[in-house]
Amino acid sequence: MNDQQPGLLVEAVAKLPPGGIVIGAFDHDDGGDKFLDQVRAILRGRDVIDDRPEERGEDWNDVLQRA
C-alpha cells in the first residue's frame, strides 16, 4: 500500500451509506493476508468481510477463468 492509499480508503469508506459494508476480495496468499491486515488496521472498529478464494494461493483471476 502506498502512502496515499490509507487516506483514500478512509475517505471512500466514510462515503458509504449507513449499513454499508467493506469487502476484502484480495488474493488468497501472503500478499492478500498482508493487505487484508492493513485494511483492517486502517479501518479500526469497522468490519471488513474476507471474501477471498477458498484455496490458498488462488486469486480471483484464477477463479473467474475457470467459471
N, C-alpha and C. Protein backbone atom coordinates (compact mmCIF):
# COMPACT_ATOMS: atom_id res chain seq x y z
N MET A 1 0.86 -1.17 0.00
CA MET A 1 0.00 0.00 0.00
C MET A 1 0.91 1.23 0.00
N ASN A 2 0.61 2.17 -0.89
CA ASN A 2 1.44 3.37 -0.92
C ASN A 2 0.96 4.38 0.13
N ASP A 3 1.66 5.48 0.25
CA ASP A 3 1.37 6.47 1.31
C ASP A 3 0.01 7.14 1.16
N GLN A 4 -0.51 7.21 -0.05
CA GLN A 4 -1.80 7.87 -0.27
C GLN A 4 -2.99 6.96 -0.03
N GLN A 5 -2.81 5.67 -0.20
CA GLN A 5 -3.94 4.75 -0.15
C GLN A 5 -4.67 4.69 1.19
N PRO A 6 -3.99 4.73 2.34
CA PRO A 6 -4.77 4.69 3.58
C PRO A 6 -5.78 5.83 3.70
N GLY A 7 -5.36 7.04 3.36
CA GLY A 7 -6.28 8.17 3.41
C GLY A 7 -7.41 8.04 2.42
N LEU A 8 -7.09 7.57 1.22
CA LEU A 8 -8.13 7.37 0.21
C LEU A 8 -9.14 6.32 0.66
N LEU A 9 -8.65 5.27 1.30
CA LEU A 9 -9.53 4.22 1.80
C LEU A 9 -10.48 4.77 2.86
N VAL A 10 -9.94 5.53 3.79
CA VAL A 10 -10.77 6.12 4.85
C VAL A 10 -11.82 7.05 4.25
N GLU A 11 -11.41 7.87 3.27
CA GLU A 11 -12.36 8.78 2.62
C GLU A 11 -13.46 8.02 1.90
N ALA A 12 -13.11 6.97 1.20
CA ALA A 12 -14.10 6.19 0.46
C ALA A 12 -15.09 5.52 1.40
N VAL A 13 -14.59 4.95 2.48
CA VAL A 13 -15.46 4.26 3.43
C VAL A 13 -16.38 5.27 4.14
N ALA A 14 -15.89 6.47 4.39
CA ALA A 14 -16.71 7.50 5.03
C ALA A 14 -17.92 7.87 4.17
N LYS A 15 -17.83 7.66 2.87
CA LYS A 15 -18.93 7.99 1.95
C LYS A 15 -19.97 6.87 1.82
N LEU A 16 -19.70 5.73 2.43
CA LEU A 16 -20.68 4.64 2.36
C LEU A 16 -21.96 5.03 3.10
N PRO A 17 -23.09 4.56 2.62
CA PRO A 17 -24.35 4.84 3.33
C PRO A 17 -24.37 4.07 4.65
N PRO A 18 -25.24 4.47 5.57
CA PRO A 18 -25.37 3.71 6.82
C PRO A 18 -25.60 2.23 6.52
N GLY A 19 -24.89 1.38 7.20
CA GLY A 19 -25.02 -0.05 6.98
C GLY A 19 -24.18 -0.56 5.82
N GLY A 20 -23.46 0.35 5.14
CA GLY A 20 -22.60 -0.06 4.03
C GLY A 20 -21.51 -0.99 4.53
N ILE A 21 -21.10 -1.90 3.68
CA ILE A 21 -20.12 -2.89 4.10
C ILE A 21 -18.83 -2.76 3.29
N VAL A 22 -17.76 -3.26 3.88
CA VAL A 22 -16.46 -3.30 3.21
C VAL A 22 -16.11 -4.77 3.00
N ILE A 23 -15.82 -5.11 1.76
CA ILE A 23 -15.47 -6.49 1.41
C ILE A 23 -14.05 -6.51 0.89
N GLY A 24 -13.22 -7.35 1.50
CA GLY A 24 -11.85 -7.52 1.05
C GLY A 24 -11.77 -8.71 0.10
N ALA A 25 -11.76 -8.46 -1.19
CA ALA A 25 -11.70 -9.52 -2.19
C ALA A 25 -10.29 -9.57 -2.76
N PHE A 26 -9.36 -9.96 -1.90
CA PHE A 26 -7.94 -9.98 -2.26
C PHE A 26 -7.51 -11.39 -2.62
N ASP A 27 -6.29 -11.50 -3.13
CA ASP A 27 -5.72 -12.81 -3.41
C ASP A 27 -5.58 -13.59 -2.11
N HIS A 28 -5.68 -14.91 -2.20
CA HIS A 28 -5.56 -15.75 -1.01
C HIS A 28 -4.11 -16.26 -0.92
N ASP A 29 -3.22 -15.33 -0.61
CA ASP A 29 -1.80 -15.63 -0.48
C ASP A 29 -1.21 -14.70 0.56
N ASP A 30 0.11 -14.74 0.72
CA ASP A 30 0.75 -13.90 1.73
C ASP A 30 0.49 -12.41 1.49
N GLY A 31 0.53 -11.99 0.23
CA GLY A 31 0.25 -10.60 -0.10
C GLY A 31 -1.17 -10.20 0.25
N GLY A 32 -2.11 -11.08 -0.04
CA GLY A 32 -3.51 -10.82 0.31
C GLY A 32 -3.72 -10.78 1.81
N ASP A 33 -3.02 -11.66 2.54
CA ASP A 33 -3.09 -11.63 4.01
C ASP A 33 -2.62 -10.29 4.54
N LYS A 34 -1.48 -9.84 4.02
CA LYS A 34 -0.90 -8.57 4.47
C LYS A 34 -1.83 -7.40 4.15
N PHE A 35 -2.38 -7.39 2.95
CA PHE A 35 -3.25 -6.30 2.54
C PHE A 35 -4.53 -6.27 3.38
N LEU A 36 -5.11 -7.45 3.63
CA LEU A 36 -6.31 -7.52 4.46
C LEU A 36 -6.01 -7.01 5.87
N ASP A 37 -4.87 -7.40 6.43
CA ASP A 37 -4.48 -6.91 7.76
C ASP A 37 -4.31 -5.40 7.76
N GLN A 38 -3.72 -4.85 6.71
CA GLN A 38 -3.53 -3.40 6.63
C GLN A 38 -4.87 -2.68 6.56
N VAL A 39 -5.77 -3.19 5.73
CA VAL A 39 -7.09 -2.56 5.60
C VAL A 39 -7.83 -2.60 6.94
N ARG A 40 -7.79 -3.73 7.62
CA ARG A 40 -8.47 -3.83 8.91
C ARG A 40 -7.85 -2.88 9.94
N ALA A 41 -6.54 -2.72 9.90
CA ALA A 41 -5.88 -1.80 10.83
C ALA A 41 -6.26 -0.35 10.54
N ILE A 42 -6.35 0.01 9.27
CA ILE A 42 -6.72 1.37 8.89
C ILE A 42 -8.16 1.66 9.26
N LEU A 43 -9.03 0.67 9.09
CA LEU A 43 -10.47 0.86 9.34
C LEU A 43 -10.85 0.31 10.72
N ARG A 44 -10.01 0.54 11.69
CA ARG A 44 -10.26 0.04 13.06
C ARG A 44 -11.73 0.22 13.46
N GLY A 45 -12.28 -0.83 14.02
CA GLY A 45 -13.65 -0.76 14.51
C GLY A 45 -14.70 -1.03 13.45
N ARG A 46 -14.30 -1.17 12.22
CA ARG A 46 -15.25 -1.44 11.14
C ARG A 46 -15.03 -2.87 10.66
N ASP A 47 -16.11 -3.60 10.47
CA ASP A 47 -15.99 -4.96 9.95
C ASP A 47 -15.54 -4.93 8.49
N VAL A 48 -14.61 -5.80 8.18
CA VAL A 48 -14.17 -5.99 6.80
C VAL A 48 -14.38 -7.47 6.50
N ILE A 49 -15.28 -7.75 5.57
CA ILE A 49 -15.59 -9.13 5.22
C ILE A 49 -14.46 -9.69 4.35
N ASP A 50 -13.97 -10.85 4.73
CA ASP A 50 -12.91 -11.53 3.99
C ASP A 50 -13.56 -12.39 2.92
N ASP A 51 -13.49 -11.96 1.67
CA ASP A 51 -14.10 -12.69 0.56
C ASP A 51 -13.02 -13.05 -0.45
N ARG A 52 -12.18 -14.00 -0.05
CA ARG A 52 -11.09 -14.43 -0.92
C ARG A 52 -11.37 -15.84 -1.42
N PRO A 53 -10.72 -16.25 -2.50
CA PRO A 53 -10.91 -17.61 -2.99
C PRO A 53 -10.65 -18.63 -1.89
N GLU A 54 -11.36 -19.75 -1.95
CA GLU A 54 -11.25 -20.77 -0.90
C GLU A 54 -9.85 -21.36 -0.80
N GLU A 55 -9.23 -21.66 -1.94
CA GLU A 55 -7.94 -22.35 -1.92
C GLU A 55 -6.79 -21.36 -1.75
N ARG A 56 -5.91 -21.69 -0.82
CA ARG A 56 -4.71 -20.89 -0.59
C ARG A 56 -3.89 -20.83 -1.88
N GLY A 57 -3.42 -19.66 -2.20
CA GLY A 57 -2.60 -19.48 -3.40
C GLY A 57 -3.38 -19.00 -4.60
N GLU A 58 -4.70 -19.04 -4.53
CA GLU A 58 -5.51 -18.60 -5.67
C GLU A 58 -5.78 -17.10 -5.60
N ASP A 59 -6.03 -16.54 -6.76
CA ASP A 59 -6.55 -15.18 -6.82
C ASP A 59 -7.86 -15.22 -7.62
N TRP A 60 -8.58 -14.12 -7.60
CA TRP A 60 -9.89 -14.11 -8.25
C TRP A 60 -9.77 -14.30 -9.76
N ASN A 61 -8.67 -13.91 -10.35
CA ASN A 61 -8.49 -14.15 -11.78
C ASN A 61 -8.50 -15.64 -12.08
N ASP A 62 -7.81 -16.45 -11.23
CA ASP A 62 -7.84 -17.91 -11.40
C ASP A 62 -9.27 -18.44 -11.34
N VAL A 63 -10.01 -17.98 -10.36
CA VAL A 63 -11.38 -18.46 -10.15
C VAL A 63 -12.27 -18.06 -11.33
N LEU A 64 -12.16 -16.83 -11.79
CA LEU A 64 -13.00 -16.36 -12.88
C LEU A 64 -12.67 -17.05 -14.20
N GLN A 65 -11.40 -17.37 -14.41
CA GLN A 65 -11.04 -18.05 -15.65
C GLN A 65 -11.61 -19.46 -15.71
N ARG A 66 -11.84 -20.08 -14.57
CA ARG A 66 -12.44 -21.43 -14.53
C ARG A 66 -13.96 -21.38 -14.69
N ALA A 67 -14.54 -20.25 -14.45
CA ALA A 67 -16.02 -20.15 -14.48
C ALA A 67 -16.57 -20.21 -15.89
